[in-house]
Amino acid sequence: MTSEFKSEEKTHFGYQTVDKNDKQNLVANVFHSVAAKYDIMNDLMSMGIHRVWKRFTIDASAVRPGNKVLDLAGGTGDLTRKFSEIVGENGQVVLADINDSMIKVGREKLENLGVVGNVEYIQANAEALPFADNTFDIVTIAFGLRNVTDKDAALKSIYRVLKPGGRLLVLEFSKPNQEWLSKVYDFYSFNILPNVGQLIANDKESYLYLSESIRMHPDQETLKTMMQSAGFDQVNYSNLTGGIVALHKGFKF
């Protein structure tokens, strides 16, 4: 396949159709824009419930002292902070994100909280992770997979860097399992959230993209099949808050 043909391949950026080669930069611009207000917007957008979702993910990971954990698309480090406490001085947590603005915000936040010593910060693309095979006991990706251009490539890359017996946890917005909830969620996402983004972060368009990207993300069963196709075993998921969010879990054997 020629590079000329590849450049004509299309994907989605929210509801827009764009060249695959352009999506990474478009997503990067969104997160450069929202990085400084990311945490406060998370609390406002979810009314604080994102903390419960993340705590559920930590508990489901069965992380132990001494583990090596990759917090992929780790952003401002909420999961990294908790993993750092649990793995202890003999463990390690790598906060990896493709966006350097998010890493800077996360690193400053965690260092101000005293999270040092067992945390490393790396700018990395989920589709081609810069780690050796069989490196990590646990990989998490929270609210990041939907922004990846080639999700199948990312899942295969994650599978490669997991140790045998290791596990992947994907925490992501998904499809509500009740029609009434879908209608309420749609109204909130497209009529309220972008306006809050404009008020707090002075950026309505980025939060409109984030709402659209959620709708374009694979539903629960589709993502389960994608993980199985990438090699993961015993794949299952838990719906949280009526399916607005789902936690998928899979193992490498």
C-alpha atoms as a PDB file:
ATOM      1  CA  MET A   1       0.000   0.000   0.000  1.00  0.00           C
ATOM      2  CA  THR A   2       1.498   3.329  -0.966  1.00  0.00           C
ATOM      3  CA  SER A   3       1.829   6.269   1.397  1.00  0.00           C
ATOM      4  CA  GLU A   4      -0.308   8.259  -1.039  1.00  0.00           C
ATOM      5  CA  PHE A   5      -3.177   5.792  -0.586  1.00  0.00           C
ATOM      6  CA  LYS A   6      -2.747   5.753   3.182  1.00  0.00           C
ATOM      7  CA  SER A   7      -3.095   9.510   3.340  1.00  0.00           C
ATOM      8  CA  GLU A   8      -6.534   9.178   1.758  1.00  0.00           C
ATOM      9  CA  GLU A   9      -7.818   6.778   4.437  1.00  0.00           C
ATOM     10  CA  LYS A  10     -10.604   8.321   6.486  1.00  0.00           C
ATOM     11  CA  THR A  11     -11.679   8.151  10.103  1.00  0.00           C
ATOM     12  CA  HIS A  12     -13.946  10.128  12.389  1.00  0.00           C
ATOM     13  CA  PHE A  13     -13.137  13.123  14.572  1.00  0.00           C
ATOM     14  CA  GLY A  14     -16.340  13.420  16.507  1.00  0.00           C
ATOM     15  CA  TYR A  15     -18.995  13.561  13.816  1.00  0.00           C
ATOM     16  CA  GLN A  16     -16.576  14.894  11.212  1.00  0.00           C
ATOM     17  CA  THR A  17     -14.857  12.689   8.630  1.00  0.00           C
ATOM     18  CA  VAL A  18     -11.134  13.443   8.429  1.00  0.00           C
ATOM     19  CA  ASP A  19      -7.942  11.936   7.032  1.00  0.00           C
ATOM     20  CA  LYS A  20      -6.483   9.361   9.405  1.00  0.00           C
ATOM     21  CA  ASN A  21      -3.184  11.225   9.289  1.00  0.00           C
ATOM     22  CA  ASP A  22      -4.883  14.359  10.598  1.00  0.00           C
ATOM     23  CA  LYS A  23      -6.822  12.956  13.542  1.00  0.00           C
ATOM     24  CA  GLN A  24      -3.900  12.734  15.956  1.00  0.00           C
ATOM     25  CA  ASN A  25      -3.149  16.442  15.609  1.00  0.00           C
ATOM     26  CA  LEU A  26      -6.820  17.380  15.883  1.00  0.00           C
ATOM     27  CA  VAL A  27      -7.192  15.391  19.102  1.00  0.00           C
ATOM     28  CA  ALA A  28      -3.921  16.861  20.391  1.00  0.00           C
ATOM     29  CA  ASN A  29      -5.281  20.369  19.896  1.00  0.00           C
ATOM     30  CA  VAL A  30      -8.373  19.487  21.932  1.00  0.00           C
ATOM     31  CA  PHE A  31      -6.326  18.315  24.892  1.00  0.00           C
ATOM     32  CA  HIS A  32      -3.792  21.139  24.663  1.00  0.00           C
ATOM     33  CA  SER A  33      -6.828  23.413  24.992  1.00  0.00           C
ATOM     34  CA  VAL A  34      -8.512  21.644  27.921  1.00  0.00           C
ATOM     35  CA  ALA A  35      -5.468  20.486  29.938  1.00  0.00           C
ATOM     36  CA  ALA A  36      -5.379  23.371  32.401  1.00  0.00           C
ATOM     37  CA  LYS A  37      -9.070  22.980  33.319  1.00  0.00           C
ATOM     38  CA  TYR A  38      -9.254  19.210  32.860  1.00  0.00           C
ATOM     39  CA  ASP A  39      -9.719  18.229  36.507  1.00  0.00           C
ATOM     40  CA  ILE A  40     -12.307  20.840  37.380  1.00  0.00           C
ATOM     41  CA  MET A  41     -14.251  20.026  34.205  1.00  0.00           C
ATOM     42  CA  ASN A  42     -14.173  16.309  35.082  1.00  0.00           C
ATOM     43  CA  ASP A  43     -15.781  17.072  38.423  1.00  0.00           C
ATOM     44  CA  LEU A  44     -18.377  19.338  36.845  1.00  0.00           C
ATOM     45  CA  MET A  45     -19.153  17.060  33.882  1.00  0.00           C
ATOM     46  CA  SER A  46     -19.662  13.943  36.002  1.00  0.00           C
ATOM     47  CA  MET A  47     -20.824  15.678  39.198  1.00  0.00           C
ATOM     48  CA  GLY A  48     -17.869  13.955  40.858  1.00  0.00           C
ATOM     49  CA  ILE A  49     -18.938  10.440  39.879  1.00  0.00           C
ATOM     50  CA  HIS A  50     -15.744   9.946  37.824  1.00  0.00           C
ATOM     51  CA  ARG A  51     -13.969   9.368  41.142  1.00  0.00           C
ATOM     52  CA  VAL A  52     -16.255   6.403  41.871  1.00  0.00           C
ATOM     53  CA  TRP A  53     -15.641   4.975  38.385  1.00  0.00           C
ATOM     54  CA  LYS A  54     -11.881   5.269  38.853  1.00  0.00           C
ATOM     55  CA  ARG A  55     -12.004   3.721  42.307  1.00  0.00           C
ATOM     56  CA  PHE A  56     -13.956   0.795  40.847  1.00  0.00           C
ATOM     57  CA  THR A  57     -11.227   0.405  38.214  1.00  0.00           C
ATOM     58  CA  ILE A  58      -8.468   0.367  40.826  1.00  0.00           C
ATOM     59  CA  ASP A  59     -10.319  -2.267  42.842  1.00  0.00           C
ATOM     60  CA  ALA A  60     -10.999  -4.394  39.737  1.00  0.00           C
ATOM     61  CA  SER A  61      -7.335  -4.296  38.750  1.00  0.00           C
ATOM     62  CA  ALA A  62      -6.311  -6.381  41.777  1.00  0.00           C
ATOM     63  CA  VAL A  63      -3.058  -4.391  41.819  1.00  0.00           C
ATOM     64  CA  ARG A  64      -0.554  -5.548  44.424  1.00  0.00           C
ATOM     65  CA  PRO A  65       2.648  -4.225  46.026  1.00  0.00           C
ATOM     66  CA  GLY A  66       5.584  -4.636  43.650  1.00  0.00           C
ATOM     67  CA  ASN A  67       3.487  -4.591  40.467  1.00  0.00           C
ATOM     68  CA  LYS A  68       4.517  -2.635  37.394  1.00  0.00           C
ATOM     69  CA  VAL A  69       1.574  -0.634  36.035  1.00  0.00           C
ATOM     70  CA  LEU A  70       1.062   1.347  32.839  1.00  0.00           C
ATOM     71  CA  ASP A  71      -1.527   4.113  33.188  1.00  0.00           C
ATOM     72  CA  LEU A  72      -2.053   4.770  29.491  1.00  0.00           C
ATOM     73  CA  ALA A  73      -3.667   8.042  28.445  1.00  0.00           C
ATOM     74  CA  GLY A  74      -3.034   8.793  32.103  1.00  0.00           C
ATOM     75  CA  GLY A  75      -3.719  12.507  31.760  1.00  0.00           C
ATOM     76  CA  THR A  76      -3.629  14.318  35.078  1.00  0.00           C
ATOM     77  CA  GLY A  77      -2.805  11.164  37.014  1.00  0.00           C
ATOM     78  CA  ASP A  78      -5.843  10.205  39.113  1.00  0.00           C
ATOM     79  CA  LEU A  79      -5.213   6.479  38.578  1.00  0.00           C
ATOM     80  CA  THR A  80      -1.440   6.891  38.778  1.00  0.00           C
ATOM     81  CA  ARG A  81      -1.736   8.456  42.220  1.00  0.00           C
ATOM     82  CA  LYS A  82      -3.661   5.506  43.654  1.00  0.00           C
ATOM     83  CA  PHE A  83      -1.533   2.904  41.884  1.00  0.00           C
ATOM     84  CA  SER A  84       1.621   4.582  43.240  1.00  0.00           C
ATOM     85  CA  GLU A  85       0.344   4.197  46.804  1.00  0.00           C
ATOM     86  CA  ILE A  86      -0.505   0.524  46.332  1.00  0.00           C
ATOM     87  CA  VAL A  87       2.535  -0.770  44.393  1.00  0.00           C
ATOM     88  CA  GLY A  88       4.896   0.847  46.899  1.00  0.00           C
ATOM     89  CA  GLU A  89       8.614   1.425  46.664  1.00  0.00           C
ATOM     90  CA  ASN A  90       9.256  -1.942  45.016  1.00  0.00           C
ATOM     91  CA  GLY A  91       6.707  -1.307  42.279  1.00  0.00           C
ATOM     92  CA  GLN A  92       6.525   1.181  39.443  1.00  0.00           C
ATOM     93  CA  VAL A  93       3.826   3.190  37.681  1.00  0.00           C
ATOM     94  CA  VAL A  94       4.333   4.668  34.229  1.00  0.00           C
ATOM     95  CA  LEU A  95       2.004   7.529  33.353  1.00  0.00           C
ATOM     96  CA  ALA A  96       1.977   7.620  29.555  1.00  0.00           C
ATOM     97  CA  ASP A  97       0.041  10.054  27.407  1.00  0.00           C
ATOM     98  CA  ILE A  98       0.356  11.187  23.813  1.00  0.00           C
ATOM     99  CA  ASN A  99      -0.282  14.791  24.823  1.00  0.00           C
ATOM    100  CA  ASP A 100       2.596  16.673  26.441  1.00  0.00           C
ATOM    101  CA  SER A 101       0.299  19.357  27.888  1.00  0.00           C
ATOM    102  CA  MET A 102      -1.627  16.712  29.813  1.00  0.00           C
ATOM    103  CA  ILE A 103       1.606  15.117  31.058  1.00  0.00           C
ATOM    104  CA  LYS A 104       2.895  18.472  32.298  1.00  0.00           C
ATOM    105  CA  VAL A 105      -0.317  19.184  34.185  1.00  0.00           C
ATOM    106  CA  GLY A 106      -0.371  15.649  35.613  1.00  0.00           C
ATOM    107  CA  ARG A 107       3.265  15.687  36.653  1.00  0.00           C
ATOM    108  CA  GLU A 108       2.972  19.044  38.403  1.00  0.00           C
ATOM    109  CA  LYS A 109      -0.198  17.937  40.180  1.00  0.00           C
ATOM    110  CA  LEU A 110       1.244  14.643  41.408  1.00  0.00           C
ATOM    111  CA  GLU A 111       4.565  16.118  42.488  1.00  0.00           C
ATOM    112  CA  ASN A 112       2.700  18.796  44.457  1.00  0.00           C
ATOM    113  CA  LEU A 113       0.820  15.956  46.167  1.00  0.00           C
ATOM    114  CA  GLY A 114       4.109  14.257  47.048  1.00  0.00           C
ATOM    115  CA  VAL A 115       3.805  11.433  44.522  1.00  0.00           C
ATOM    116  CA  VAL A 116       7.456  10.812  43.665  1.00  0.00           C
ATOM    117  CA  GLY A 117       9.921   7.962  43.518  1.00  0.00           C
ATOM    118  CA  ASN A 118       8.000   5.170  41.825  1.00  0.00           C
ATOM    119  CA  VAL A 119       6.312   7.129  39.005  1.00  0.00           C
ATOM    120  CA  GLU A 120       7.731   7.727  35.540  1.00  0.00           C
ATOM    121  CA  TYR A 121       6.235  10.047  32.892  1.00  0.00           C
ATOM    122  CA  ILE A 122       6.491   9.143  29.208  1.00  0.00           C
ATOM    123  CA  GLN A 123       4.955  10.687  26.097  1.00  0.00           C
ATOM    124  CA  ALA A 124       3.762   7.747  24.023  1.00  0.00           C
ATOM    125  CA  ASN A 125       1.337   6.761  21.277  1.00  0.00           C
ATOM    126  CA  ALA A 126      -0.928   3.898  22.331  1.00  0.00           C
ATOM    127  CA  GLU A 127      -0.737   2.430  18.828  1.00  0.00           C
ATOM    128  CA  ALA A 128       3.033   1.845  19.097  1.00  0.00           C
ATOM    129  CA  LEU A 129       4.057   1.692  22.739  1.00  0.00           C
ATOM    130  CA  PRO A 130       7.800   2.235  23.364  1.00  0.00           C
ATOM    131  CA  PHE A 131       8.162  -0.634  25.840  1.00  0.00           C
ATOM    132  CA  ALA A 132       9.592  -4.130  25.620  1.00  0.00           C
ATOM    133  CA  ASP A 133       7.376  -7.177  25.323  1.00  0.00           C
ATOM    134  CA  ASN A 134       5.995  -8.590  28.595  1.00  0.00           C
ATOM    135  CA  THR A 135       6.792  -5.500  30.706  1.00  0.00           C
ATOM    136  CA  PHE A 136       3.664  -4.686  32.736  1.00  0.00           C
ATOM    137  CA  ASP A 137       1.457  -6.560  35.185  1.00  0.00           C
ATOM    138  CA  ILE A 138      -1.447  -4.177  34.585  1.00  0.00           C
ATOM    139  CA  VAL A 139      -2.365  -1.677  31.876  1.00  0.00           C
ATOM    140  CA  THR A 140      -5.233   0.770  32.317  1.00  0.00           C
ATOM    141  CA  ILE A 141      -6.610   3.233  29.805  1.00  0.00           C
ATOM    142  CA  ALA A 142      -9.303   5.499  31.252  1.00  0.00           C
ATOM    143  CA  PHE A 143     -11.326   7.745  28.964  1.00  0.00           C
ATOM    144  CA  GLY A 144      -8.612   7.598  26.330  1.00  0.00           C
ATOM    145  CA  LEU A 145      -9.316   4.746  23.931  1.00  0.00           C
ATOM    146  CA  ARG A 146     -12.063   6.620  22.102  1.00  0.00           C
ATOM    147  CA  ASN A 147      -9.521   9.274  21.071  1.00  0.00           C
ATOM    148  CA  VAL A 148      -7.116   6.748  19.516  1.00  0.00           C
ATOM    149  CA  THR A 149      -7.157   6.682  15.709  1.00  0.00           C
ATOM    150  CA  ASP A 150      -6.491   2.942  15.297  1.00  0.00           C
ATOM    151  CA  LYS A 151      -8.015   1.229  18.314  1.00  0.00           C
ATOM    152  CA  ASP A 152      -7.198  -2.270  17.050  1.00  0.00           C
ATOM    153  CA  ALA A 153      -3.509  -1.353  16.774  1.00  0.00           C
ATOM    154  CA  ALA A 154      -3.583   0.106  20.281  1.00  0.00           C
ATOM    155  CA  LEU A 155      -5.145  -3.024  21.769  1.00  0.00           C
ATOM    156  CA  LYS A 156      -2.526  -5.206  20.079  1.00  0.00           C
ATOM    157  CA  SER A 157       0.246  -2.927  21.314  1.00  0.00           C
ATOM    158  CA  ILE A 158      -1.102  -3.134  24.859  1.00  0.00           C
ATOM    159  CA  TYR A 159      -1.322  -6.919  24.605  1.00  0.00           C
ATOM    160  CA  ARG A 160       2.318  -7.070  23.543  1.00  0.00           C
ATOM    161  CA  VAL A 161       3.636  -5.093  26.527  1.00  0.00           C
ATOM    162  CA  LEU A 162       1.605  -7.008  29.114  1.00  0.00           C
ATOM    163  CA  LYS A 163       3.240  -9.886  30.946  1.00  0.00           C
ATOM    164  CA  PRO A 164       1.629 -13.323  30.646  1.00  0.00           C
ATOM    165  CA  GLY A 165      -1.059 -13.318  33.312  1.00  0.00           C
ATOM    166  CA  GLY A 166      -1.323  -9.548  33.079  1.00  0.00           C
ATOM    167  CA  ARG A 167      -4.565  -7.671  32.639  1.00  0.00           C
ATOM    168  CA  LEU A 168      -5.958  -4.732  30.710  1.00  0.00           C
ATOM    169  CA  LEU A 169      -8.701  -2.497  32.064  1.00  0.00           C
ATOM    170  CA  VAL A 170     -10.478  -0.090  29.707  1.00  0.00           C
ATOM    171  CA  LEU A 171     -12.634   2.504  31.468  1.00  0.00           C
ATOM    172  CA  GLU A 172     -14.610   4.406  28.869  1.00  0.00           C
ATOM    173  CA  PHE A 173     -17.899   6.122  28.142  1.00  0.00           C
ATOM    174  CA  SER A 174     -20.246   3.661  26.489  1.00  0.00           C
ATOM    175  CA  LYS A 175     -23.907   3.143  25.600  1.00  0.00           C
ATOM    176  CA  PRO A 176     -26.650   3.609  28.221  1.00  0.00           C
ATOM    177  CA  ASN A 177     -28.780   0.511  28.605  1.00  0.00           C
ATOM    178  CA  GLN A 178     -32.114   2.338  29.033  1.00  0.00           C
ATOM    179  CA  GLU A 179     -33.799   4.454  26.356  1.00  0.00           C
ATOM    180  CA  TRP A 180     -34.912   7.151  28.814  1.00  0.00           C
ATOM    181  CA  LEU A 181     -31.368   7.446  30.142  1.00  0.00           C
ATOM    182  CA  SER A 182     -30.012   7.784  26.603  1.00  0.00           C
ATOM    183  CA  LYS A 183     -32.373  10.691  25.955  1.00  0.00           C
ATOM    184  CA  VAL A 184     -31.417  12.486  29.173  1.00  0.00           C
ATOM    185  CA  TYR A 185     -27.726  11.833  28.520  1.00  0.00           C
ATOM    186  CA  ASP A 186     -27.966  13.148  24.946  1.00  0.00           C
ATOM    187  CA  PHE A 187     -29.690  16.322  26.094  1.00  0.00           C
ATOM    188  CA  TYR A 188     -27.050  16.900  28.750  1.00  0.00           C
ATOM    189  CA  SER A 189     -24.144  16.115  26.396  1.00  0.00           C
ATOM    190  CA  PHE A 190     -25.170  18.393  23.562  1.00  0.00           C
ATOM    191  CA  ASN A 191     -27.101  21.181  25.291  1.00  0.00           C
ATOM    192  CA  ILE A 192     -25.455  21.640  28.673  1.00  0.00           C
ATOM    193  CA  LEU A 193     -21.912  20.238  28.609  1.00  0.00           C
ATOM    194  CA  PRO A 194     -20.545  22.390  25.730  1.00  0.00           C
ATOM    195  CA  ASN A 195     -21.916  25.521  27.417  1.00  0.00           C
ATOM    196  CA  VAL A 196     -20.248  24.571  30.695  1.00  0.00           C
ATOM    197  CA  GLY A 197     -17.041  24.075  28.707  1.00  0.00           C
ATOM    198  CA  GLN A 198     -17.412  27.573  27.305  1.00  0.00           C
ATOM    199  CA  LEU A 199     -18.074  29.056  30.747  1.00  0.00           C
ATOM    200  CA  ILE A 200     -15.276  27.291  32.644  1.00  0.00           C
ATOM    201  CA  ALA A 201     -12.638  26.542  29.999  1.00  0.00           C
ATOM    202  CA  ASN A 202     -13.599  29.118  27.357  1.00  0.00           C
ATOM    203  CA  ASP A 203     -13.800  26.251  24.880  1.00  0.00           C
ATOM    204  CA  LYS A 204     -17.188  25.089  23.681  1.00  0.00           C
ATOM    205  CA  GLU A 205     -15.934  23.266  20.575  1.00  0.00           C
ATOM    206  CA  SER A 206     -13.592  20.898  22.418  1.00  0.00           C
ATOM    207  CA  TYR A 207     -16.369  19.737  24.720  1.00  0.00           C
ATOM    208  CA  LEU A 208     -18.729  19.318  21.801  1.00  0.00           C
ATOM    209  CA  TYR A 209     -16.062  17.080  20.202  1.00  0.00           C
ATOM    210  CA  LEU A 210     -15.775  15.063  23.413  1.00  0.00           C
ATOM    211  CA  SER A 211     -19.546  14.465  23.413  1.00  0.00           C
ATOM    212  CA  GLU A 212     -19.463  13.428  19.761  1.00  0.00           C
ATOM    213  CA  SER A 213     -16.457  11.140  20.295  1.00  0.00           C
ATOM    214  CA  ILE A 214     -18.380   9.256  22.966  1.00  0.00           C
ATOM    215  CA  ARG A 215     -21.206   8.553  20.511  1.00  0.00           C
ATOM    216  CA  MET A 216     -18.721   7.291  17.898  1.00  0.00           C
ATOM    217  CA  HIS A 217     -16.964   4.918  20.309  1.00  0.00           C
ATOM    218  CA  PRO A 218     -17.734   1.184  19.997  1.00  0.00           C
ATOM    219  CA  ASP A 219     -20.483  -0.078  22.284  1.00  0.00           C
ATOM    220  CA  GLN A 220     -19.885  -2.608  25.049  1.00  0.00           C
ATOM    221  CA  GLU A 221     -20.203  -5.790  22.988  1.00  0.00           C
ATOM    222  CA  THR A 222     -18.216  -4.384  20.053  1.00  0.00           C
ATOM    223  CA  LEU A 223     -15.312  -3.383  22.285  1.00  0.00           C
ATOM    224  CA  LYS A 224     -15.414  -6.798  23.947  1.00  0.00           C
ATOM    225  CA  THR A 225     -15.053  -8.431  20.507  1.00  0.00           C
ATOM    226  CA  MET A 226     -12.206  -6.071  19.584  1.00  0.00           C
ATOM    227  CA  MET A 227     -10.310  -7.014  22.740  1.00  0.00           C
ATOM    228  CA  GLN A 228     -10.804 -10.707  22.013  1.00  0.00           C
ATOM    229  CA  SER A 229      -9.551 -10.188  18.448  1.00  0.00           C
ATOM    230  CA  ALA A 230      -6.409  -8.542  19.855  1.00  0.00           C
ATOM    231  CA  GLY A 231      -5.692 -11.724  21.839  1.00  0.00           C
ATOM    232  CA  PHE A 232      -7.236 -11.009  25.230  1.00  0.00           C
ATOM    233  CA  ASP A 233      -8.871 -13.857  27.136  1.00  0.00           C
ATOM    234  CA  GLN A 234     -11.730 -13.938  29.649  1.00  0.00           C
ATOM    235  CA  VAL A 235     -12.943 -10.537  28.438  1.00  0.00           C
ATOM    236  CA  ASN A 236     -15.882  -9.128  30.361  1.00  0.00           C
ATOM    237  CA  TYR A 237     -17.327  -5.769  31.229  1.00  0.00           C
ATOM    238  CA  SER A 238     -19.271  -4.032  33.957  1.00  0.00           C
ATOM    239  CA  ASN A 239     -21.767  -1.283  33.193  1.00  0.00           C
ATOM    240  CA  LEU A 240     -21.497   1.688  35.522  1.00  0.00           C
ATOM    241  CA  THR A 241     -24.149   4.390  35.981  1.00  0.00           C
ATOM    242  CA  GLY A 242     -26.572   2.597  33.676  1.00  0.00           C
ATOM    243  CA  GLY A 243     -24.010   1.967  30.942  1.00  0.00           C
ATOM    244  CA  ILE A 244     -22.981   5.604  30.561  1.00  0.00           C
ATOM    245  CA  VAL A 245     -19.566   4.202  31.432  1.00  0.00           C
ATOM    246  CA  ALA A 246     -18.296   0.633  31.099  1.00  0.00           C
ATOM    247  CA  LEU A 247     -15.213  -1.058  32.504  1.00  0.00           C
ATOM    248  CA  HIS A 248     -13.834  -3.775  30.221  1.00  0.00           C
ATOM    249  CA  LYS A 249     -11.300  -6.252  31.560  1.00  0.00           C
ATOM    250  CA  GLY A 250      -9.211  -8.812  29.704  1.00  0.00           C
ATOM    251  CA  PHE A 251      -6.240 -11.059  30.438  1.00  0.00           C
ATOM    252  CA  LYS A 252      -3.134 -12.103  28.574  1.00  0.00           C
ATOM    253  CA  PHE A 253      -2.379 -15.812  29.034  1.00  0.00           C
END
